[in-house]
């Protein structure tokens, strides 16, 4: 554990969404800035995908807290979960 606790949401916004088309999975993205108990505000990146949950039959939720991903599971600065236009 990191020893910090999540506090109040400072701000949040939708980063976009797309419906299922051309074989793509329906997804939605949002970001929030949240205060933590160590007095640092961190960005939280959230991606919700249809059919990405258990056995592909439910919604999947992926969350990354920028600065609290020591193994870079979602790449530096949660880049993997942020919405990208291809």
C-alpha atoms as a PDB file:
ATOM      1  CA  UNK A   1       0.000   0.000   0.000  1.00  0.00           C
ATOM      2  CA  UNK A   2       1.038   3.595  -0.461  1.00  0.00           C
ATOM      3  CA  UNK A   3      -0.167   4.899   2.890  1.00  0.00           C
ATOM      4  CA  UNK A   4      -2.267   7.718   1.422  1.00  0.00           C
ATOM      5  CA  UNK A   5      -6.026   8.078   1.479  1.00  0.00           C
ATOM      6  CA  UNK A   6      -8.245   9.503  -1.231  1.00  0.00           C
ATOM      7  CA  UNK A   7     -10.071  12.687  -0.284  1.00  0.00           C
ATOM      8  CA  UNK A   8     -12.389  15.060  -2.105  1.00  0.00           C
ATOM      9  CA  UNK A   9     -12.907  15.222  -5.851  1.00  0.00           C
ATOM     10  CA  UNK A  10     -11.617  18.619  -6.992  1.00  0.00           C
ATOM     11  CA  UNK A  11     -12.827  18.460 -10.584  1.00  0.00           C
ATOM     12  CA  UNK A  12     -13.924  15.909 -13.159  1.00  0.00           C
ATOM     13  CA  UNK A  13     -14.908  15.791 -16.804  1.00  0.00           C
ATOM     14  CA  UNK A  14     -15.910  13.375 -19.491  1.00  0.00           C
ATOM     15  CA  UNK A  15     -13.169  12.785 -22.037  1.00  0.00           C
ATOM     16  CA  UNK A  16     -15.484  11.256 -24.622  1.00  0.00           C
ATOM     17  CA  UNK A  17     -17.174   8.062 -25.628  1.00  0.00           C
ATOM     18  CA  UNK A  18     -17.919   6.038 -28.689  1.00  0.00           C
ATOM     19  CA  UNK A  19     -20.517   3.417 -29.420  1.00  0.00           C
ATOM     20  CA  UNK A  20     -19.762   0.030 -30.876  1.00  0.00           C
ATOM     21  CA  UNK A  21     -19.039   0.335 -34.589  1.00  0.00           C
ATOM     22  CA  UNK A  22     -16.771  -1.327 -37.136  1.00  0.00           C
ATOM     23  CA  UNK A  23     -15.821  -3.998 -34.616  1.00  0.00           C
ATOM     24  CA  UNK A  24     -14.682  -1.496 -31.987  1.00  0.00           C
ATOM     25  CA  UNK A  25     -15.743  -1.907 -28.373  1.00  0.00           C
ATOM     26  CA  UNK A  26     -18.063   0.756 -26.935  1.00  0.00           C
ATOM     27  CA  UNK A  27     -16.010   2.759 -24.443  1.00  0.00           C
ATOM     28  CA  UNK A  28     -16.211   5.860 -22.296  1.00  0.00           C
ATOM     29  CA  UNK A  29     -13.457   7.880 -20.619  1.00  0.00           C
ATOM     30  CA  UNK A  30     -13.314  10.419 -17.838  1.00  0.00           C
ATOM     31  CA  UNK A  31     -10.678  12.109 -15.707  1.00  0.00           C
ATOM     32  CA  UNK A  32     -10.815  13.611 -12.250  1.00  0.00           C
ATOM     33  CA  UNK A  33      -8.458  15.458  -9.968  1.00  0.00           C
ATOM     34  CA  UNK A  34      -8.668  14.233  -6.398  1.00  0.00           C
ATOM     35  CA  UNK A  35      -6.998  15.465  -3.229  1.00  0.00           C
ATOM     36  CA  UNK A  36      -5.113  12.885  -1.175  1.00  0.00           C
ATOM     37  CA  UNK A  37      -4.129  12.784   2.492  1.00  0.00           C
ATOM     38  CA  UNK A  38      -0.530  13.751   1.642  1.00  0.00           C
ATOM     39  CA  UNK A  39      -1.829  17.108   0.301  1.00  0.00           C
ATOM     40  CA  UNK A  40      -1.143  16.208  -3.326  1.00  0.00           C
ATOM     41  CA  UNK A  41      -3.860  16.456  -5.969  1.00  0.00           C
ATOM     42  CA  UNK A  42      -3.581  13.592  -8.440  1.00  0.00           C
ATOM     43  CA  UNK A  43      -5.264  12.832 -11.736  1.00  0.00           C
ATOM     44  CA  UNK A  44      -7.415   9.711 -11.882  1.00  0.00           C
ATOM     45  CA  UNK A  45      -8.120   8.271 -15.326  1.00  0.00           C
ATOM     46  CA  UNK A  46     -11.116   5.969 -15.800  1.00  0.00           C
ATOM     47  CA  UNK A  47     -12.076   3.850 -18.808  1.00  0.00           C
ATOM     48  CA  UNK A  48     -15.350   1.913 -19.010  1.00  0.00           C
ATOM     49  CA  UNK A  49     -15.742  -0.627 -21.802  1.00  0.00           C
ATOM     50  CA  UNK A  50     -18.743  -2.681 -22.858  1.00  0.00           C
ATOM     51  CA  UNK A  51     -17.989  -6.379 -23.072  1.00  0.00           C
ATOM     52  CA  UNK A  52     -14.618  -6.022 -21.346  1.00  0.00           C
ATOM     53  CA  UNK A  53     -15.702  -7.413 -17.983  1.00  0.00           C
ATOM     54  CA  UNK A  54     -15.773 -10.979 -16.705  1.00  0.00           C
ATOM     55  CA  UNK A  55     -15.930 -13.425 -19.630  1.00  0.00           C
ATOM     56  CA  UNK A  56     -16.663 -10.527 -21.979  1.00  0.00           C
ATOM     57  CA  UNK A  57     -20.273 -10.349 -20.848  1.00  0.00           C
ATOM     58  CA  UNK A  58     -20.338  -7.215 -18.723  1.00  0.00           C
ATOM     59  CA  UNK A  59     -18.833  -3.753 -18.425  1.00  0.00           C
ATOM     60  CA  UNK A  60     -15.184  -3.493 -17.472  1.00  0.00           C
ATOM     61  CA  UNK A  61     -13.788  -0.658 -15.370  1.00  0.00           C
ATOM     62  CA  UNK A  62     -10.112   0.346 -15.439  1.00  0.00           C
ATOM     63  CA  UNK A  63      -8.803   3.005 -13.068  1.00  0.00           C
ATOM     64  CA  UNK A  64      -5.338   4.537 -12.780  1.00  0.00           C
ATOM     65  CA  UNK A  65      -4.108   7.129 -10.279  1.00  0.00           C
ATOM     66  CA  UNK A  66      -1.299   9.148 -11.832  1.00  0.00           C
ATOM     67  CA  UNK A  67       1.731   8.912  -9.554  1.00  0.00           C
ATOM     68  CA  UNK A  68       0.472   5.848  -7.668  1.00  0.00           C
ATOM     69  CA  UNK A  69       1.157   3.232 -10.351  1.00  0.00           C
ATOM     70  CA  UNK A  70       4.661   2.141  -9.282  1.00  0.00           C
ATOM     71  CA  UNK A  71       4.866  -0.753 -11.744  1.00  0.00           C
ATOM     72  CA  UNK A  72       3.684   1.423 -14.661  1.00  0.00           C
ATOM     73  CA  UNK A  73       0.836  -0.977 -15.379  1.00  0.00           C
ATOM     74  CA  UNK A  74      -0.887   1.697 -17.437  1.00  0.00           C
ATOM     75  CA  UNK A  75       2.393   3.276 -18.686  1.00  0.00           C
ATOM     76  CA  UNK A  76       3.733   6.566 -17.324  1.00  0.00           C
ATOM     77  CA  UNK A  77       0.995   9.040 -16.410  1.00  0.00           C
ATOM     78  CA  UNK A  78      -1.839   6.546 -17.097  1.00  0.00           C
ATOM     79  CA  UNK A  79      -1.303   6.977 -20.850  1.00  0.00           C
ATOM     80  CA  UNK A  80      -2.754   3.563 -21.728  1.00  0.00           C
ATOM     81  CA  UNK A  81      -6.182   4.478 -20.349  1.00  0.00           C
ATOM     82  CA  UNK A  82      -6.438   7.996 -21.721  1.00  0.00           C
ATOM     83  CA  UNK A  83      -8.552   8.407 -24.832  1.00  0.00           C
ATOM     84  CA  UNK A  84      -6.591   8.432 -28.058  1.00  0.00           C
ATOM     85  CA  UNK A  85      -7.820   9.196 -31.543  1.00  0.00           C
ATOM     86  CA  UNK A  86      -6.505   6.763 -34.142  1.00  0.00           C
END
